[in-house]
PDB file of all heavy atoms in Angstrom:
ATOM      1  N   TYR A   1      12.907  17.749 -17.605  1.00  0.00           N
ATOM      2  CA  TYR A   1      12.273  18.847 -18.327  1.00  0.00           C
ATOM      3  C   TYR A   1      11.471  18.233 -19.463  1.00  0.00           C
ATOM      4  O   TYR A   1      11.640  17.066 -19.803  1.00  0.00           O
ATOM      5  CB  TYR A   1      13.300  19.844 -18.873  1.00  0.00           C
ATOM      6  CG  TYR A   1      14.342  19.246 -19.789  1.00  0.00           C
ATOM      7  CD1 TYR A   1      14.105  19.113 -21.163  1.00  0.00           C
ATOM      8  CD2 TYR A   1      15.575  18.820 -19.304  1.00  0.00           C
ATOM      9  CE1 TYR A   1      15.052  18.563 -22.011  1.00  0.00           C
ATOM     10  CE2 TYR A   1      16.526  18.271 -20.142  1.00  0.00           C
ATOM     11  CZ  TYR A   1      16.267  18.148 -21.488  1.00  0.00           C
ATOM     12  OH  TYR A   1      17.207  17.606 -22.329  1.00  0.00           O
ATOM     13  N   THR A   2      10.601  19.012 -20.047  1.00  0.00           N
ATOM     14  CA  THR A   2       9.832  18.538 -21.191  1.00  0.00           C
ATOM     15  C   THR A   2      10.505  19.015 -22.472  1.00  0.00           C
ATOM     16  O   THR A   2      11.330  19.939 -22.455  1.00  0.00           O
ATOM     17  CB  THR A   2       8.391  19.068 -21.158  1.00  0.00           C
ATOM     18  OG1 THR A   2       8.407  20.491 -21.363  1.00  0.00           O
ATOM     19  CG2 THR A   2       7.718  18.746 -19.836  1.00  0.00           C
ATOM     20  N   TYR A   3      10.116  18.402 -23.560  1.00  0.00           N
ATOM     21  CA  TYR A   3      10.643  18.810 -24.864  1.00  0.00           C
ATOM     22  C   TYR A   3      10.341  20.279 -25.131  1.00  0.00           C
ATOM     23  O   TYR A   3      11.146  20.991 -25.721  1.00  0.00           O
ATOM     24  CB  TYR A   3      10.026  17.938 -25.960  1.00  0.00           C
ATOM     25  CG  TYR A   3      10.469  18.295 -27.353  1.00  0.00           C
ATOM     26  CD1 TYR A   3      11.733  17.922 -27.812  1.00  0.00           C
ATOM     27  CD2 TYR A   3       9.624  18.997 -28.212  1.00  0.00           C
ATOM     28  CE1 TYR A   3      12.142  18.253 -29.097  1.00  0.00           C
ATOM     29  CE2 TYR A   3      10.026  19.323 -29.494  1.00  0.00           C
ATOM     30  CZ  TYR A   3      11.291  18.951 -29.932  1.00  0.00           C
ATOM     31  OH  TYR A   3      11.693  19.282 -31.214  1.00  0.00           O
ATOM     32  N   GLN A   4       9.167  20.733 -24.670  1.00  0.00           N
ATOM     33  CA  GLN A   4       8.763  22.119 -24.909  1.00  0.00           C
ATOM     34  C   GLN A   4       9.597  23.117 -24.115  1.00  0.00           C
ATOM     35  O   GLN A   4       9.500  24.330 -24.344  1.00  0.00           O
ATOM     36  CB  GLN A   4       7.283  22.295 -24.555  1.00  0.00           C
ATOM     37  CG  GLN A   4       6.324  21.651 -25.543  1.00  0.00           C
ATOM     38  CD  GLN A   4       6.326  20.117 -25.470  1.00  0.00           C
ATOM     39  OE1 GLN A   4       6.660  19.555 -24.426  1.00  0.00           O
ATOM     40  NE2 GLN A   4       5.942  19.469 -26.556  1.00  0.00           N
ATOM     41  N   GLU A   5      10.415  22.632 -23.173  1.00  0.00           N
ATOM     42  CA  GLU A   5      11.267  23.529 -22.383  1.00  0.00           C
ATOM     43  C   GLU A   5      12.672  23.670 -22.958  1.00  0.00           C
ATOM     44  O   GLU A   5      13.518  24.335 -22.358  1.00  0.00           O
ATOM     45  CB  GLU A   5      11.304  23.056 -20.929  1.00  0.00           C
ATOM     46  CG  GLU A   5       9.974  23.296 -20.229  1.00  0.00           C
ATOM     47  CD  GLU A   5       9.880  22.639 -18.861  1.00  0.00           C
ATOM     48  OE1 GLU A   5      10.496  21.576 -18.664  1.00  0.00           O
ATOM     49  OE2 GLU A   5       9.166  23.186 -17.999  1.00  0.00           O
ATOM     50  N   LEU A   6      12.923  23.063 -24.111  1.00  0.00           N
ATOM     51  CA  LEU A   6      14.163  23.343 -24.835  1.00  0.00           C
ATOM     52  C   LEU A   6      14.045  24.722 -25.466  1.00  0.00           C
ATOM     53  O   LEU A   6      12.956  25.170 -25.836  1.00  0.00           O
ATOM     54  CB  LEU A   6      14.412  22.273 -25.895  1.00  0.00           C
ATOM     55  CG  LEU A   6      14.807  20.895 -25.347  1.00  0.00           C
ATOM     56  CD1 LEU A   6      14.832  19.865 -26.475  1.00  0.00           C
ATOM     57  CD2 LEU A   6      16.168  20.946 -24.657  1.00  0.00           C
ATOM     58  N   SER A   7      15.164  25.403 -25.617  1.00  0.00           N
ATOM     59  CA  SER A   7      15.137  26.835 -25.912  1.00  0.00           C
ATOM     60  C   SER A   7      14.498  27.193 -27.242  1.00  0.00           C
ATOM     61  O   SER A   7      13.931  28.282 -27.377  1.00  0.00           O
ATOM     62  CB  SER A   7      16.565  27.392 -25.867  1.00  0.00           C
ATOM     63  OG  SER A   7      17.426  26.719 -26.764  1.00  0.00           O
ATOM     64  N   HIS A   8      14.547  26.306 -28.238  1.00  0.00           N
ATOM     65  CA  HIS A   8      13.978  26.671 -29.538  1.00  0.00           C
ATOM     66  C   HIS A   8      12.472  26.893 -29.455  1.00  0.00           C
ATOM     67  O   HIS A   8      11.899  27.609 -30.274  1.00  0.00           O
ATOM     68  CB  HIS A   8      14.303  25.601 -30.581  1.00  0.00           C
ATOM     69  CG  HIS A   8      13.601  24.291 -30.397  1.00  0.00           C
ATOM     70  ND1 HIS A   8      13.666  23.579 -29.215  1.00  0.00           N
ATOM     71  CD2 HIS A   8      12.802  23.568 -31.230  1.00  0.00           C
ATOM     72  CE1 HIS A   8      12.945  22.471 -29.340  1.00  0.00           C
ATOM     73  NE2 HIS A   8      12.413  22.451 -30.550  1.00  0.00           N
ATOM     74  N   LEU A   9      11.842  26.300 -28.431  1.00  0.00           N
ATOM     75  CA  LEU A   9      10.412  26.510 -28.203  1.00  0.00           C
ATOM     76  C   LEU A   9      10.164  27.448 -27.024  1.00  0.00           C
ATOM     77  O   LEU A   9       9.388  28.395 -27.119  1.00  0.00           O
ATOM     78  CB  LEU A   9       9.714  25.171 -27.953  1.00  0.00           C
ATOM     79  CG  LEU A   9       9.727  24.169 -29.120  1.00  0.00           C
ATOM     80  CD1 LEU A   9       9.082  22.861 -28.696  1.00  0.00           C
ATOM     81  CD2 LEU A   9       9.015  24.742 -30.344  1.00  0.00           C
ATOM     82  N   TYR A  10      10.834  27.197 -25.915  1.00  0.00           N
ATOM     83  CA  TYR A  10      10.549  27.935 -24.683  1.00  0.00           C
ATOM     84  C   TYR A  10      10.938  29.405 -24.799  1.00  0.00           C
ATOM     85  O   TYR A  10      10.252  30.282 -24.259  1.00  0.00           O
ATOM     86  CB  TYR A  10      11.287  27.293 -23.501  1.00  0.00           C
ATOM     87  CG  TYR A  10      10.810  27.787 -22.163  1.00  0.00           C
ATOM     88  CD1 TYR A  10       9.707  27.211 -21.547  1.00  0.00           C
ATOM     89  CD2 TYR A  10      11.445  28.847 -21.523  1.00  0.00           C
ATOM     90  CE1 TYR A  10       9.243  27.675 -20.326  1.00  0.00           C
ATOM     91  CE2 TYR A  10      10.995  29.318 -20.290  1.00  0.00           C
ATOM     92  CZ  TYR A  10       9.896  28.723 -19.705  1.00  0.00           C
ATOM     93  OH  TYR A  10       9.431  29.184 -18.492  1.00  0.00           O
ATOM     94  N   TYR A  11      12.034  29.696 -25.496  1.00  0.00           N
ATOM     95  CA  TYR A  11      12.515  31.075 -25.610  1.00  0.00           C
ATOM     96  C   TYR A  11      12.266  31.664 -27.001  1.00  0.00           C
ATOM     97  O   TYR A  11      12.959  32.600 -27.411  1.00  0.00           O
ATOM     98  CB  TYR A  11      14.000  31.145 -25.268  1.00  0.00           C
ATOM     99  CG  TYR A  11      14.289  30.910 -23.803  1.00  0.00           C
ATOM    100  CD1 TYR A  11      14.967  29.777 -23.389  1.00  0.00           C
ATOM    101  CD2 TYR A  11      13.858  31.808 -22.838  1.00  0.00           C
ATOM    102  CE1 TYR A  11      15.207  29.545 -22.043  1.00  0.00           C
ATOM    103  CE2 TYR A  11      14.095  31.595 -21.493  1.00  0.00           C
ATOM    104  CZ  TYR A  11      14.773  30.459 -21.097  1.00  0.00           C
ATOM    105  OH  TYR A  11      15.015  30.237 -19.763  1.00  0.00           O
ATOM    106  N   ALA A  12      11.291  31.139 -27.710  1.00  0.00           N
ATOM    107  CA  ALA A  12      11.012  31.623 -29.071  1.00  0.00           C
ATOM    108  C   ALA A  12      10.632  33.107 -29.061  1.00  0.00           C
ATOM    109  O   ALA A  12      11.103  33.885 -29.900  1.00  0.00           O
ATOM    110  CB  ALA A  12       9.904  30.788 -29.704  1.00  0.00           C
ATOM    111  N   LYS A  13       9.784  33.523 -28.129  1.00  0.00           N
ATOM    112  CA  LYS A  13       9.365  34.927 -28.066  1.00  0.00           C
ATOM    113  C   LYS A  13      10.538  35.833 -27.706  1.00  0.00           C
ATOM    114  O   LYS A  13      10.694  36.921 -28.276  1.00  0.00           O
ATOM    115  CB  LYS A  13       8.230  35.089 -27.052  1.00  0.00           C
ATOM    116  CG  LYS A  13       6.905  34.484 -27.482  1.00  0.00           C
ATOM    117  CD  LYS A  13       5.812  34.755 -26.466  1.00  0.00           C
ATOM    118  CE  LYS A  13       4.479  34.159 -26.923  1.00  0.00           C
ATOM    119  NZ  LYS A  13       3.400  34.400 -25.923  1.00  0.00           N
ATOM    120  N   GLN A  14      11.353  35.386 -26.745  1.00  0.00           N
ATOM    121  CA  GLN A  14      12.523  36.191 -26.374  1.00  0.00           C
ATOM    122  C   GLN A  14      13.490  36.304 -27.547  1.00  0.00           C
ATOM    123  O   GLN A  14      14.093  37.355 -27.760  1.00  0.00           O
ATOM    124  CB  GLN A  14      13.232  35.573 -25.168  1.00  0.00           C
ATOM    125  CG  GLN A  14      12.487  35.718 -23.853  1.00  0.00           C
ATOM    126  CD  GLN A  14      11.507  34.593 -23.603  1.00  0.00           C
ATOM    127  OE1 GLN A  14      11.059  33.918 -24.535  1.00  0.00           O
ATOM    128  NE2 GLN A  14      11.159  34.375 -22.348  1.00  0.00           N
ATOM    129  N   ASN A  15      13.614  35.228 -28.306  1.00  0.00           N
ATOM    130  CA  ASN A  15      14.496  35.248 -29.471  1.00  0.00           C
ATOM    131  C   ASN A  15      14.006  36.263 -30.497  1.00  0.00           C
ATOM    132  O   ASN A  15      14.783  37.044 -31.055  1.00  0.00           O
ATOM    133  CB  ASN A  15      14.569  33.852 -30.090  1.00  0.00           C
ATOM    134  CG  ASN A  15      15.749  33.699 -31.035  1.00  0.00           C
ATOM    135  OD1 ASN A  15      16.590  34.576 -31.149  1.00  0.00           O
ATOM    136  ND2 ASN A  15      15.818  32.577 -31.713  1.00  0.00           N
ATOM    137  N   ASP A  16      12.706  36.262 -30.747  1.00  0.00           N
ATOM    138  CA  ASP A  16      12.132  37.238 -31.679  1.00  0.00           C
ATOM    139  C   ASP A  16      12.348  38.663 -31.184  1.00  0.00           C
ATOM    140  O   ASP A  16      12.646  39.577 -31.969  1.00  0.00           O
ATOM    141  CB  ASP A  16      10.626  36.983 -31.853  1.00  0.00           C
ATOM    142  CG  ASP A  16      10.340  35.707 -32.631  1.00  0.00           C
ATOM    143  OD1 ASP A  16      11.257  35.221 -33.331  1.00  0.00           O
ATOM    144  OD2 ASP A  16       9.213  35.191 -32.527  1.00  0.00           O
ATOM    145  N   SER A  17      12.209  38.853 -29.874  1.00  0.00           N
ATOM    146  CA  SER A  17      12.391  40.182 -29.295  1.00  0.00           C
ATOM    147  C   SER A  17      13.838  40.643 -29.433  1.00  0.00           C
ATOM    148  O   SER A  17      14.108  41.807 -29.743  1.00  0.00           O
ATOM    149  CB  SER A  17      11.980  40.169 -27.824  1.00  0.00           C
ATOM    150  OG  SER A  17      12.208  41.420 -27.224  1.00  0.00           O
ATOM    151  N   ILE A  18      14.774  39.727 -29.198  1.00  0.00           N
ATOM    152  CA  ILE A  18      16.199  40.068 -29.326  1.00  0.00           C
ATOM    153  C   ILE A  18      16.516  40.486 -30.759  1.00  0.00           C
ATOM    154  O   ILE A  18      17.176  41.506 -31.007  1.00  0.00           O
ATOM    155  CB  ILE A  18      17.071  38.870 -28.896  1.00  0.00           C
ATOM    156  CG1 ILE A  18      16.968  38.649 -27.383  1.00  0.00           C
ATOM    157  CG2 ILE A  18      18.533  39.097 -29.290  1.00  0.00           C
ATOM    158  CD1 ILE A  18      17.585  37.354 -26.913  1.00  0.00           C
ATOM    159  N   LYS A  19      16.039  39.706 -31.713  1.00  0.00           N
ATOM    160  CA  LYS A  19      16.326  40.014 -33.123  1.00  0.00           C
ATOM    161  C   LYS A  19      15.693  41.343 -33.547  1.00  0.00           C
ATOM    162  O   LYS A  19      16.232  42.055 -34.390  1.00  0.00           O
ATOM    163  CB  LYS A  19      15.822  38.871 -34.007  1.00  0.00           C
ATOM    164  CG  LYS A  19      16.666  37.613 -33.906  1.00  0.00           C
ATOM    165  CD  LYS A  19      16.263  36.552 -34.910  1.00  0.00           C
ATOM    166  CE  LYS A  19      14.991  35.860 -34.537  1.00  0.00           C
ATOM    167  NZ  LYS A  19      14.683  34.707 -35.430  1.00  0.00           N
ATOM    168  N   LYS A  20      14.558  41.673 -32.946  1.00  0.00           N
ATOM    169  CA  LYS A  20      13.862  42.906 -33.303  1.00  0.00           C
ATOM    170  C   LYS A  20      14.501  44.128 -32.653  1.00  0.00           C
ATOM    171  O   LYS A  20      14.599  45.203 -33.279  1.00  0.00           O
ATOM    172  CB  LYS A  20      12.394  42.803 -32.895  1.00  0.00           C
ATOM    173  CG  LYS A  20      11.573  44.042 -33.203  1.00  0.00           C
ATOM    174  CD  LYS A  20      10.123  43.855 -32.772  1.00  0.00           C
ATOM    175  CE  LYS A  20       9.302  45.121 -33.061  1.00  0.00           C
ATOM    176  NZ  LYS A  20       7.891  44.965 -32.640  1.00  0.00           N
ATOM    177  N   ASN A  21      14.935  43.974 -31.403  1.00  0.00           N
ATOM    178  CA  ASN A  21      15.357  45.145 -30.622  1.00  0.00           C
ATOM    179  C   ASN A  21      16.871  45.369 -30.580  1.00  0.00           C
ATOM    180  O   ASN A  21      17.302  46.465 -30.215  1.00  0.00           O
ATOM    181  CB  ASN A  21      14.827  45.020 -29.187  1.00  0.00           C
ATOM    182  CG  ASN A  21      13.313  45.045 -29.135  1.00  0.00           C
ATOM    183  OD1 ASN A  21      12.673  45.805 -29.853  1.00  0.00           O
ATOM    184  ND2 ASN A  21      12.720  44.201 -28.294  1.00  0.00           N
ATOM    185  N   TRP A  22      17.654  44.356 -30.915  1.00  0.00           N
ATOM    186  CA  TRP A  22      19.100  44.552 -30.925  1.00  0.00           C
ATOM    187  C   TRP A  22      19.500  45.236 -32.235  1.00  0.00           C
ATOM    188  O   TRP A  22      19.907  44.585 -33.202  1.00  0.00           O
ATOM    189  CB  TRP A  22      19.823  43.218 -30.772  1.00  0.00           C
ATOM    190  CG  TRP A  22      19.943  42.773 -29.340  1.00  0.00           C
ATOM    191  CD1 TRP A  22      19.144  43.119 -28.309  1.00  0.00           C
ATOM    192  CD2 TRP A  22      20.930  41.896 -28.807  1.00  0.00           C
ATOM    193  NE1 TRP A  22      19.551  42.494 -27.163  1.00  0.00           N
ATOM    194  CE2 TRP A  22      20.651  41.739 -27.440  1.00  0.00           C
ATOM    195  CE3 TRP A  22      21.999  41.208 -29.348  1.00  0.00           C
ATOM    196  CZ2 TRP A  22      21.413  40.941 -26.594  1.00  0.00           C
ATOM    197  CZ3 TRP A  22      22.763  40.396 -28.515  1.00  0.00           C
ATOM    198  CH2 TRP A  22      22.480  40.276 -27.149  1.00  0.00           C
ATOM    199  N   ILE A  23      19.375  46.536 -32.284  1.00  0.00           N
ATOM    200  CA  ILE A  23      19.693  47.312 -33.485  1.00  0.00           C
ATOM    201  C   ILE A  23      21.068  47.948 -33.315  1.00  0.00           C
ATOM    202  O   ILE A  23      21.330  48.638 -32.325  1.00  0.00           O
ATOM    203  CB  ILE A  23      18.628  48.395 -33.724  1.00  0.00           C
ATOM    204  CG1 ILE A  23      17.253  47.744 -33.902  1.00  0.00           C
ATOM    205  CG2 ILE A  23      18.984  49.252 -34.942  1.00  0.00           C
ATOM    206  CD1 ILE A  23      16.111  48.729 -33.990  1.00  0.00           C
ATOM    207  N   CYS A  24      21.938  47.700 -34.260  1.00  0.00           N
ATOM    208  CA  CYS A  24      23.307  48.212 -34.174  1.00  0.00           C
ATOM    209  C   CYS A  24      23.308  49.740 -34.271  1.00  0.00           C
ATOM    210  O   CYS A  24      22.800  50.306 -35.239  1.00  0.00           O
ATOM    211  CB  CYS A  24      24.161  47.611 -35.290  1.00  0.00           C
ATOM    212  SG  CYS A  24      25.873  48.184 -35.274  1.00  0.00           S
ATOM    213  N   PRO A  25      23.882  50.432 -33.294  1.00  0.00           N
ATOM    214  CA  PRO A  25      23.940  51.901 -33.357  1.00  0.00           C
ATOM    215  C   PRO A  25      25.005  52.379 -34.348  1.00  0.00           C
ATOM    216  O   PRO A  25      25.952  51.642 -34.644  1.00  0.00           O
ATOM    217  CB  PRO A  25      24.310  52.295 -31.925  1.00  0.00           C
ATOM    218  CG  PRO A  25      25.069  51.111 -31.402  1.00  0.00           C
ATOM    219  CD  PRO A  25      24.451  49.906 -32.049  1.00  0.00           C
ATOM    220  N   LYS A  26      24.846  53.572 -34.830  1.00  0.00           N
ATOM    221  CA  LYS A  26      25.843  54.163 -35.724  1.00  0.00           C
ATOM    222  C   LYS A  26      26.771  55.026 -34.878  1.00  0.00           C
ATOM    223  O   LYS A  26      26.390  56.106 -34.416  1.00  0.00           O
ATOM    224  CB  LYS A  26      25.174  54.993 -36.809  1.00  0.00           C
ATOM    225  CG  LYS A  26      26.148  55.529 -37.855  1.00  0.00           C
ATOM    226  CD  LYS A  26      25.417  56.158 -39.010  1.00  0.00           C
ATOM    227  CE  LYS A  26      26.387  56.748 -40.037  1.00  0.00           C
ATOM    228  NZ  LYS A  26      27.338  55.751 -40.543  1.00  0.00           N
ATOM    229  N   LEU A  27      27.989  54.556 -34.673  1.00  0.00           N
ATOM    230  CA  LEU A  27      28.927  55.231 -33.783  1.00  0.00           C
ATOM    231  C   LEU A  27      30.071  55.921 -34.505  1.00  0.00           C
ATOM    232  O   LEU A  27      30.675  56.854 -33.977  1.00  0.00           O
ATOM    233  CB  LEU A  27      29.519  54.215 -32.785  1.00  0.00           C
ATOM    234  CG  LEU A  27      28.553  53.504 -31.837  1.00  0.00           C
ATOM    235  CD1 LEU A  27      29.340  52.581 -30.907  1.00  0.00           C
ATOM    236  CD2 LEU A  27      27.751  54.497 -31.022  1.00  0.00           C
ATOM    237  N   TYR A  28      30.402  55.434 -35.713  1.00  0.00           N
ATOM    238  CA  TYR A  28      31.621  55.893 -36.375  1.00  0.00           C
ATOM    239  C   TYR A  28      31.304  56.611 -37.695  1.00  0.00           C
ATOM    240  O   TYR A  28      30.466  56.154 -38.482  1.00  0.00           O
ATOM    241  CB  TYR A  28      32.547  54.702 -36.649  1.00  0.00           C
ATOM    242  CG  TYR A  28      32.956  53.957 -35.396  1.00  0.00           C
ATOM    243  CD1 TYR A  28      32.312  52.778 -35.036  1.00  0.00           C
ATOM    244  CD2 TYR A  28      33.946  54.447 -34.569  1.00  0.00           C
ATOM    245  CE1 TYR A  28      32.667  52.094 -33.884  1.00  0.00           C
ATOM    246  CE2 TYR A  28      34.314  53.773 -33.420  1.00  0.00           C
ATOM    247  CZ  TYR A  28      33.668  52.600 -33.070  1.00  0.00           C
ATOM    248  OH  TYR A  28      34.026  51.926 -31.929  1.00  0.00           O
ATOM    249  N   LYS A  29      32.001  57.706 -37.916  1.00  0.00           N
ATOM    250  CA  LYS A  29      31.883  58.419 -39.191  1.00  0.00           C
ATOM    251  C   LYS A  29      32.624  57.674 -40.289  1.00  0.00           C
ATOM    252  O   LYS A  29      32.217  57.706 -41.452  1.00  0.00           O
ATOM    253  CB  LYS A  29      32.428  59.836 -39.056  1.00  0.00           C
ATOM    254  CG  LYS A  29      31.615  60.732 -38.120  1.00  0.00           C
ATOM    255  CD  LYS A  29      32.208  62.128 -38.053  1.00  0.00           C
ATOM    256  CE  LYS A  29      31.379  63.016 -37.128  1.00  0.00           C
ATOM    257  NZ  LYS A  29      31.952  64.395 -37.036  1.00  0.00           N
ATOM    258  N   GLU A  30      33.730  57.012 -39.917  1.00  0.00           N
ATOM    259  CA  GLU A  30      34.497  56.252 -40.894  1.00  0.00           C
ATOM    260  C   GLU A  30      33.685  55.041 -41.324  1.00  0.00           C
ATOM    261  O   GLU A  30      33.312  54.196 -40.496  1.00  0.00           O
ATOM    262  CB  GLU A  30      35.836  55.795 -40.301  1.00  0.00           C
ATOM    263  CG  GLU A  30      36.770  56.928 -39.900  1.00  0.00           C
ATOM    264  CD  GLU A  30      36.445  57.483 -38.520  1.00  0.00           C
ATOM    265  OE1 GLU A  30      35.480  56.989 -37.894  1.00  0.00           O
ATOM    266  OE2 GLU A  30      37.116  58.432 -38.089  1.00  0.00           O
ATOM    267  N   LYS A  31      33.411  54.932 -42.611  1.00  0.00           N
ATOM    268  CA  LYS A  31      32.554  53.864 -43.118  1.00  0.00           C
ATOM    269  C   LYS A  31      33.148  52.487 -42.839  1.00  0.00           C
ATOM    270  O   LYS A  31      32.423  51.546 -42.502  1.00  0.00           O
ATOM    271  CB  LYS A  31      32.344  54.041 -44.620  1.00  0.00           C
ATOM    272  CG  LYS A  31      31.471  55.233 -44.975  1.00  0.00           C
ATOM    273  CD  LYS A  31      31.217  55.293 -46.477  1.00  0.00           C
ATOM    274  CE  LYS A  31      30.309  56.470 -46.823  1.00  0.00           C
ATOM    275  NZ  LYS A  31      30.050  56.547 -48.286  1.00  0.00           N
ATOM    276  N   GLU A  32      34.466  52.365 -42.980  1.00  0.00           N
ATOM    277  CA  GLU A  32      35.100  51.058 -42.779  1.00  0.00           C
ATOM    278  C   GLU A  32      34.946  50.585 -41.335  1.00  0.00           C
ATOM    279  O   GLU A  32      34.626  49.413 -41.076  1.00  0.00           O
ATOM    280  CB  GLU A  32      36.585  51.128 -43.155  1.00  0.00           C
ATOM    281  CG  GLU A  32      37.281  49.787 -43.078  1.00  0.00           C
ATOM    282  CD  GLU A  32      38.759  49.876 -43.407  1.00  0.00           C
ATOM    283  OE1 GLU A  32      39.282  51.015 -43.500  1.00  0.00           O
ATOM    284  OE2 GLU A  32      39.401  48.824 -43.557  1.00  0.00           O
ATOM    285  N   THR A  33      35.179  51.488 -40.390  1.00  0.00           N
ATOM    286  CA  THR A  33      35.062  51.116 -38.976  1.00  0.00           C
ATOM    287  C   THR A  33      33.615  50.802 -38.608  1.00  0.00           C
ATOM    288  O   THR A  33      33.349  49.828 -37.897  1.00  0.00           O
ATOM    289  CB  THR A  33      35.597  52.244 -38.076  1.00  0.00           C
ATOM    290  OG1 THR A  33      36.929  52.581 -38.471  1.00  0.00           O
ATOM    291  CG2 THR A  33      35.601  51.817 -36.623  1.00  0.00           C
ATOM    292  N   GLN A  34      32.686  51.611 -39.115  1.00  0.00           N
ATOM    293  CA  GLN A  34      31.281  51.349 -38.832  1.00  0.00           C
ATOM    294  C   GLN A  34      30.847  50.019 -39.431  1.00  0.00           C
ATOM    295  O   GLN A  34      30.090  49.260 -38.805  1.00  0.00           O
ATOM    296  CB  GLN A  34      30.410  52.474 -39.383  1.00  0.00           C
ATOM    297  CG  GLN A  34      28.913  52.280 -39.160  1.00  0.00           C
ATOM    298  CD  GLN A  34      28.519  52.267 -37.692  1.00  0.00           C
ATOM    299  OE1 GLN A  34      29.124  52.968 -36.877  1.00  0.00           O
ATOM    300  NE2 GLN A  34      27.522  51.466 -37.341  1.00  0.00           N
ATOM    301  N   LYS A  35      31.330  49.719 -40.622  1.00  0.00           N
ATOM    302  CA  LYS A  35      30.985  48.453 -41.269  1.00  0.00           C
ATOM    303  C   LYS A  35      31.505  47.267 -40.456  1.00  0.00           C
ATOM    304  O   LYS A  35      30.788  46.279 -40.237  1.00  0.00           O
ATOM    305  CB  LYS A  35      31.560  48.408 -42.677  1.00  0.00           C
ATOM    306  CG  LYS A  35      31.227  47.121 -43.426  1.00  0.00           C
ATOM    307  CD  LYS A  35      31.832  47.136 -44.823  1.00  0.00           C
ATOM    308  CE  LYS A  35      31.520  45.818 -45.552  1.00  0.00           C
ATOM    309  NZ  LYS A  35      32.126  45.789 -46.912  1.00  0.00           N
ATOM    310  N   LYS A  36      32.762  47.365 -40.010  1.00  0.00           N
ATOM    311  CA  LYS A  36      33.332  46.280 -39.198  1.00  0.00           C
ATOM    312  C   LYS A  36      32.583  46.153 -37.876  1.00  0.00           C
ATOM    313  O   LYS A  36      32.304  45.040 -37.401  1.00  0.00           O
ATOM    314  CB  LYS A  36      34.814  46.541 -38.952  1.00  0.00           C
ATOM    315  CG  LYS A  36      35.520  45.482 -38.115  1.00  0.00           C
ATOM    316  CD  LYS A  36      35.414  44.100 -38.737  1.00  0.00           C
ATOM    317  CE  LYS A  36      36.153  44.011 -40.054  1.00  0.00           C
ATOM    318  NZ  LYS A  36      36.100  42.625 -40.602  1.00  0.00           N
ATOM    319  N   TYR A  37      32.251  47.297 -37.274  1.00  0.00           N
ATOM    320  CA  TYR A  37      31.490  47.291 -36.029  1.00  0.00           C
ATOM    321  C   TYR A  37      30.136  46.609 -36.225  1.00  0.00           C
ATOM    322  O   TYR A  37      29.712  45.785 -35.405  1.00  0.00           O
ATOM    323  CB  TYR A  37      31.307  48.736 -35.559  1.00  0.00           C
ATOM    324  CG  TYR A  37      30.436  48.902 -34.341  1.00  0.00           C
ATOM    325  CD1 TYR A  37      30.857  48.464 -33.082  1.00  0.00           C
ATOM    326  CD2 TYR A  37      29.190  49.520 -34.441  1.00  0.00           C
ATOM    327  CE1 TYR A  37      30.058  48.629 -31.955  1.00  0.00           C
ATOM    328  CE2 TYR A  37      28.385  49.693 -33.318  1.00  0.00           C
ATOM    329  CZ  TYR A  37      28.821  49.247 -32.087  1.00  0.00           C
ATOM    330  OH  TYR A  37      28.032  49.410 -30.976  1.00  0.00           O
ATOM    331  N   SER A  38      29.475  46.906 -37.335  1.00  0.00           N
ATOM    332  CA  SER A  38      28.174  46.300 -37.630  1.00  0.00           C
ATOM    333  C   SER A  38      28.307  44.797 -37.844  1.00  0.00           C
ATOM    334  O   SER A  38      27.444  44.020 -37.415  1.00  0.00           O
ATOM    335  CB  SER A  38      27.556  46.941 -38.871  1.00  0.00           C
ATOM    336  OG  SER A  38      27.331  48.321 -38.667  1.00  0.00           O
ATOM    337  N   GLU A  39      29.397  44.358 -38.467  1.00  0.00           N
ATOM    338  CA  GLU A  39      29.619  42.926 -38.706  1.00  0.00           C
ATOM    339  C   GLU A  39      29.772  42.174 -37.385  1.00  0.00           C
ATOM    340  O   GLU A  39      29.181  41.104 -37.192  1.00  0.00           O
ATOM    341  CB  GLU A  39      30.874  42.726 -39.563  1.00  0.00           C
ATOM    342  CG  GLU A  39      30.705  43.147 -41.016  1.00  0.00           C
ATOM    343  CD  GLU A  39      32.009  43.046 -41.789  1.00  0.00           C
ATOM    344  OE1 GLU A  39      33.041  42.667 -41.167  1.00  0.00           O
ATOM    345  OE2 GLU A  39      32.018  43.357 -42.983  1.00  0.00           O
ATOM    346  N   ILE A  40      30.574  42.738 -36.485  1.00  0.00           N
ATOM    347  CA  ILE A  40      30.804  42.072 -35.198  1.00  0.00           C
ATOM    348  C   ILE A  40      29.520  42.079 -34.366  1.00  0.00           C
ATOM    349  O   ILE A  40      29.188  41.106 -33.686  1.00  0.00           O
ATOM    350  CB  ILE A  40      31.962  42.743 -34.442  1.00  0.00           C
ATOM    351  CG1 ILE A  40      33.245  42.693 -35.287  1.00  0.00           C
ATOM    352  CG2 ILE A  40      32.203  42.058 -33.104  1.00  0.00           C
ATOM    353  CD1 ILE A  40      34.382  43.512 -34.717  1.00  0.00           C
ATOM    354  N   TRP A  41      28.802  43.200 -34.427  1.00  0.00           N
ATOM    355  CA  TRP A  41      27.517  43.292 -33.730  1.00  0.00           C
ATOM    356  C   TRP A  41      26.570  42.198 -34.224  1.00  0.00           C
ATOM    357  O   TRP A  41      25.907  41.518 -33.450  1.00  0.00           O
ATOM    358  CB  TRP A  41      26.918  44.678 -33.959  1.00  0.00           C
ATOM    359  CG  TRP A  41      25.579  44.892 -33.317  1.00  0.00           C
ATOM    360  CD1 TRP A  41      24.370  44.436 -33.757  1.00  0.00           C
ATOM    361  CD2 TRP A  41      25.314  45.611 -32.110  1.00  0.00           C
ATOM    362  NE1 TRP A  41      23.371  44.834 -32.911  1.00  0.00           N
ATOM    363  CE2 TRP A  41      23.911  45.552 -31.887  1.00  0.00           C
ATOM    364  CE3 TRP A  41      26.108  46.308 -31.208  1.00  0.00           C
ATOM    365  CZ2 TRP A  41      23.309  46.165 -30.792  1.00  0.00           C
ATOM    366  CZ3 TRP A  41      25.498  46.910 -30.120  1.00  0.00           C
ATOM    367  CH2 TRP A  41      24.124  46.838 -29.913  1.00  0.00           C
ATOM    368  N   GLN A  42      26.519  42.026 -35.551  1.00  0.00           N
ATOM    369  CA  GLN A  42      25.645  41.019 -36.139  1.00  0.00           C
ATOM    370  C   GLN A  42      26.096  39.615 -35.756  1.00  0.00           C
ATOM    371  O   GLN A  42      25.271  38.714 -35.574  1.00  0.00           O
ATOM    372  CB  GLN A  42      25.610  41.160 -37.654  1.00  0.00           C
ATOM    373  CG  GLN A  42      24.636  40.226 -38.359  1.00  0.00           C
ATOM    374  CD  GLN A  42      23.201  40.414 -37.907  1.00  0.00           C
ATOM    375  OE1 GLN A  42      22.737  41.542 -37.744  1.00  0.00           O
ATOM    376  NE2 GLN A  42      22.493  39.310 -37.684  1.00  0.00           N
TER     377      GLN A  42
END
């Protein structure tokens, strides 16, 4: 493989897309549970 096929370069666009589109949903009314859920999601 070439150096450019290592993931930090080859999957840079996919990485940006993941960071942009993986938005943690709000599922819990309890603030503590939602906060913990958001931490694990992150």
